[in-house]
Protein backbone atom coordinates (compact mmCIF):
# COMPACT_ATOMS: atom_id res chain seq x y z
CA UNK A 1 -60.88 18.97 101.16
CA UNK A 2 -60.74 19.74 97.47
CA UNK A 3 -63.80 18.92 95.43
CA UNK A 4 -63.24 17.91 91.84
CA UNK A 5 -65.50 17.91 88.84
CA UNK A 6 -65.49 16.09 85.51
CA UNK A 7 -62.73 17.43 83.29
CA UNK A 8 -60.51 18.59 86.18
CA UNK A 9 -56.81 17.90 85.82
CA UNK A 10 -55.27 16.22 88.86
CA UNK A 11 -51.98 14.90 90.15
CA UNK A 12 -52.02 11.33 91.45
CA UNK A 13 -48.89 10.77 93.60
CA UNK A 14 -46.36 8.40 92.04
CA UNK A 15 -48.66 7.95 89.03
CA UNK A 16 -48.65 11.42 87.54
CA UNK A 17 -51.01 13.63 85.66
CA UNK A 18 -54.63 12.59 85.24
CA UNK A 19 -58.05 13.85 84.23
CA UNK A 20 -61.34 13.16 85.97
CA UNK A 21 -63.45 11.50 83.29
CA UNK A 22 -66.53 10.69 85.33
CA UNK A 23 -67.99 10.86 88.82
CA UNK A 24 -70.60 8.29 89.75
CA UNK A 25 -72.53 7.22 92.78
CA UNK A 26 -71.91 3.50 93.15
CA UNK A 27 -73.46 1.02 95.53
CA UNK A 28 -71.22 -1.43 97.40
CA UNK A 29 -72.57 -3.72 100.11
CA UNK A 30 -75.64 -1.58 100.53
CA UNK A 31 -73.75 1.70 100.88
CA UNK A 32 -73.49 4.46 98.33
CA UNK A 33 -70.12 5.96 97.48
CA UNK A 34 -69.10 8.80 95.22
CA UNK A 35 -66.42 7.33 92.94
CA UNK A 36 -64.06 9.34 90.75
CA UNK A 37 -63.02 7.82 87.43
CA UNK A 38 -59.52 9.14 86.76
CA UNK A 39 -57.59 8.62 83.53
CA UNK A 40 -53.82 8.54 84.15
CA UNK A 41 -52.33 10.15 81.05
CA UNK A 42 -48.86 8.54 81.14
CA UNK A 43 -50.14 4.99 80.68
CA UNK A 44 -53.78 5.56 79.66
CA UNK A 45 -55.03 3.73 82.75
CA UNK A 46 -58.45 4.29 84.26
CA UNK A 47 -58.52 4.16 88.06
CA UNK A 48 -61.62 4.34 90.24
CA UNK A 49 -61.20 6.08 93.57
CA UNK A 50 -63.86 6.62 96.23
CA UNK A 51 -64.12 10.27 97.27
CA UNK A 52 -63.30 9.26 100.84
CA UNK A 53 -59.83 8.15 99.70
CA UNK A 54 -58.80 11.20 97.67
CA UNK A 55 -57.15 13.02 100.56
CA UNK A 56 -55.50 9.90 101.97
CA UNK A 57 -53.98 9.09 98.57
CA UNK A 58 -52.85 12.70 98.15
CA UNK A 59 -54.69 13.50 94.93
CA UNK A 60 -54.44 17.21 94.29
CA UNK A 61 -54.81 19.84 91.63
CA UNK A 62 -51.67 20.70 89.63
CA UNK A 63 -49.65 23.73 90.69
CA UNK A 64 -50.54 27.05 89.14
CA UNK A 65 -48.54 28.49 86.28
CA UNK A 66 -47.51 31.29 88.65
CA UNK A 67 -45.77 28.75 90.92
CA UNK A 68 -43.44 27.39 88.24
CA UNK A 69 -40.72 29.97 88.84
CA UNK A 70 -40.79 29.21 92.58
CA UNK A 71 -40.23 25.52 91.85
CA UNK A 72 -37.31 26.28 89.55
CA UNK A 73 -35.81 28.61 92.15
CA UNK A 74 -35.94 25.71 94.61
CA UNK A 75 -34.08 23.60 92.06
CA UNK A 76 -31.48 26.31 91.51
CA UNK A 77 -30.62 27.06 95.14
CA UNK A 78 -27.48 25.18 96.08
CA UNK A 79 -28.74 23.52 99.23
CA UNK A 80 -29.19 19.78 99.38
CA UNK A 81 -29.28 17.55 102.44
CA UNK A 82 -28.10 14.03 101.64
CA UNK A 83 -27.62 11.10 103.94
CA UNK A 84 -25.02 8.61 102.77
CA UNK A 85 -26.83 5.73 104.48
CA UNK A 86 -28.47 4.07 101.46
CA UNK A 87 -31.39 2.51 103.34
CA UNK A 88 -32.31 5.69 105.18
CA UNK A 89 -31.93 7.83 102.08
CA UNK A 90 -34.03 5.48 99.95
CA UNK A 91 -36.84 5.35 102.54
CA UNK A 92 -36.79 9.13 102.85
CA UNK A 93 -37.02 9.51 99.08
CA UNK A 94 -39.84 6.96 98.80
CA UNK A 95 -41.79 8.86 101.47
CA UNK A 96 -41.25 12.15 99.62
CA UNK A 97 -42.37 10.61 96.32
CA UNK A 98 -45.56 9.31 97.97
CA UNK A 99 -46.67 12.82 98.92
CA UNK A 100 -46.97 13.80 95.27
CA UNK A 101 -46.06 17.39 96.11
CA UNK A 102 -43.95 19.09 93.45
CA UNK A 103 -41.57 20.50 96.07
CA UNK A 104 -40.94 16.99 97.41
CA UNK A 105 -40.23 15.72 93.90
CA UNK A 106 -37.78 18.61 93.51
CA UNK A 107 -35.98 17.59 96.71
CA UNK A 108 -35.68 13.97 95.52
CA UNK A 109 -34.42 15.09 92.10
CA UNK A 110 -31.85 17.48 93.57
CA UNK A 111 -30.58 14.90 96.02
CA UNK A 112 -30.26 12.12 93.46
CA UNK A 113 -28.77 14.44 90.84
CA UNK A 114 -26.14 15.54 93.35
CA UNK A 115 -25.38 11.96 94.42
CA UNK A 116 -25.08 10.91 90.79
CA UNK A 117 -22.40 13.58 90.34
CA UNK A 118 -20.28 12.22 93.21
CA UNK A 119 -20.90 8.46 92.87
CA UNK A 120 -22.86 5.98 90.75
CA UNK A 121 -26.49 5.56 91.78
CA UNK A 122 -27.94 2.16 92.56
CA UNK A 123 -30.39 0.67 90.07
CA UNK A 124 -33.32 1.57 92.34
CA UNK A 125 -32.15 5.15 92.78
CA UNK A 126 -31.61 5.56 89.02
CA UNK A 127 -35.20 4.40 88.49
CA UNK A 128 -36.45 6.71 91.22
CA UNK A 129 -34.60 9.68 89.72
CA UNK A 130 -36.11 8.92 86.32
CA UNK A 131 -39.62 8.61 87.80
CA UNK A 132 -39.24 11.86 89.79
CA UNK A 133 -38.02 13.63 86.65
CA UNK A 134 -40.93 12.26 84.62
CA UNK A 135 -43.51 13.36 87.19
CA UNK A 136 -41.87 16.78 87.60
CA UNK A 137 -41.57 17.46 83.86
CA UNK A 138 -45.08 16.21 83.08
CA UNK A 139 -46.76 18.41 85.68
CA UNK A 140 -44.83 21.53 84.75
CA UNK A 141 -45.34 21.05 81.01
CA UNK A 142 -49.08 20.53 81.54
CA UNK A 143 -49.50 23.79 83.48
CA UNK A 144 -47.17 25.93 81.37
CA UNK A 145 -46.82 26.88 77.74
CA UNK A 146 -43.50 25.01 77.55
CA UNK A 147 -43.03 21.54 76.05
CA UNK A 148 -41.72 18.59 78.05
CA UNK A 149 -38.37 18.94 76.30
CA UNK A 150 -38.11 22.63 77.23
CA UNK A 151 -39.03 21.91 80.86
CA UNK A 152 -36.48 19.09 81.05
CA UNK A 153 -33.75 21.29 79.59
CA UNK A 154 -34.60 24.09 82.03
CA UNK A 155 -34.61 21.59 84.90
CA UNK A 156 -31.13 20.28 84.13
CA UNK A 157 -29.82 23.81 83.46
CA UNK A 158 -30.99 24.79 86.95
CA UNK A 159 -29.55 21.65 88.54
CA UNK A 160 -26.21 22.20 86.83
CA UNK A 161 -26.18 25.79 88.04
CA UNK A 162 -27.15 24.62 91.53
CA UNK A 163 -24.14 22.38 91.98
CA UNK A 164 -21.55 24.64 90.40
CA UNK A 165 -21.71 27.03 93.32
CA UNK A 166 -23.99 25.24 95.76
CA UNK A 167 -23.36 23.73 99.13
CA UNK A 168 -24.44 20.39 100.38
CA UNK A 169 -24.86 18.76 103.73
CA UNK A 170 -23.81 15.13 103.65
CA UNK A 171 -24.46 12.96 106.69
CA UNK A 172 -22.64 9.69 107.07
């Protein structure tokens, strides 16, 4: 399991980019716990998480700058697997968002971007696409020398390229 220290940048699934501000040993019901104090940058919220829960929640270090091109290549390849059953698709996307992995966010973004091109998205899916985009752009802009605007433009350039020539697998 990853060990973090004060000042480390982290990714909190579905919440976004954060920084470990403090690590304290706290006593609850006679037991001592190591508790991480994490500041979520997007909304300036401080969350306290026991070290025993870090892995279960999926807290991880951001991707390396070297991995950015791999992520954009994933966005650019024309393959997307979409189920047209709204309930199944939504549950699948929620599960992918919960992992907090950048590749899973990319899959959700590609799928919803593609669906949005062929039919209007539901309110929930529009919100999910916006949240996935926000998490994706924030992480990549934090680990690269590019601004959020540049990352977002590159993202949509890759997605547009993806679906000009790409293939899709749509299940009914």
